[in-house]
Amino acid sequence: MLTDAALKALKPKQKIYKLADRDGMYVRVMPSDAISFRSWSSLQREELAMATLSTDAPITPLRQRMQQDMLMRGLGPHTQQDYVRHVRRFAAFLGRAPDTATIEDIRRFQLCQHENGIGPSTINGAASALRFLFTVTLKRRDLVRALVVARYPRKLPEVLSVEEAARLLEAAPGIKYKAALGVAYGAGLRVSEVAHLKVDDIDSTRMLIRVEQGKGRRDRNAMLSPQLLELLRLWWREGKRRGIMLPHGWLFPGRSCIAPISSRQLHRAVQEAAEVAGIRKRVSPHTLRHSTCGLIVSTRRFTKM
């Protein structure tokens, strides 16, 4: 949504912005003769630009109430951001405030997404956001019946054989990345979970890895094998020698020892290692999670520098 000042700064070639509510906020709408939206990715880029221009724009009462509802129900920050973004897109489609929506409006919105080739994850994300808006914030359960969940195509995930995983881990750039990717493979952790591990999360007595606030904001324990523990000890000694391993600090520090390694760094390390190892498959840290099979390559090959 845009304020008057932000709207003037955009200088649109077409009249594609319309007053949406009483707070002086504008939403993007297509001309009446347009068959459909331009590509959804183009709309997303424009919304990012609008957000940059309107950082000082006031929050509408509806959005404020929805954010309060999400906060009270313990939704995570990323989920809140996603829900707000989806509702903004819905408002852009309507050309008016979303609390005036009808069942037919919802049907047209979802049909538009399908016609523009939007993926199931985005469609279902929007459906979840609107379900929350209509059920919790607006108390309009009658509108929820119009929401249709998209089916995901059934695809087998890409996995690595034990030999391929050994080659990839051996090709990882340095002991820190060998250890981090070893955790993803040996314990089946997600990339964000690996990145946010702390030294105290490694329980060598019970041979467990404590994962705090993983997916769904849940804590859990993952198994720690003797081979993986030995690799982590090698990395701990090396990190301590470099002066970047702080007591009670991050297990895998980033550029600064006070911040964890980023998911992007781990993605880049996996791709570089796969290229060096000559692995042709599309590999990501999540591929290692899928490839977890209860077997870890021997310590000799696993820790080779």
Foldseek 3Di string as FASTA:
>chain_A
DAAPVLVVVVPDPDPQWAQADDLRDIAGHDPPPDPADDAPVVVVVVVVVRCVSPVVRDDDPLLVLLLVQCVVVPHDPVLNVLLVVLLSVLCNHVRYHPLPDDLVSQLVVLVRCVVNPHDQVSLVSSLVSVCSSCVPRVVNNVSNVSRDRDDDDDDDDAADDQVLLLQLLLLQDDLLLLLLLCCCQAFLADLVQSQAFWPVQQDPPVQWGWGALGVVRDIDITGHDPLSVVSLVVLLVVCVVVVLRDVRFHSACPPHSNHTHDLVVSQVRSVSSCVVSVPPDDDGSNNSSVHHDNDHDGSVSSRND
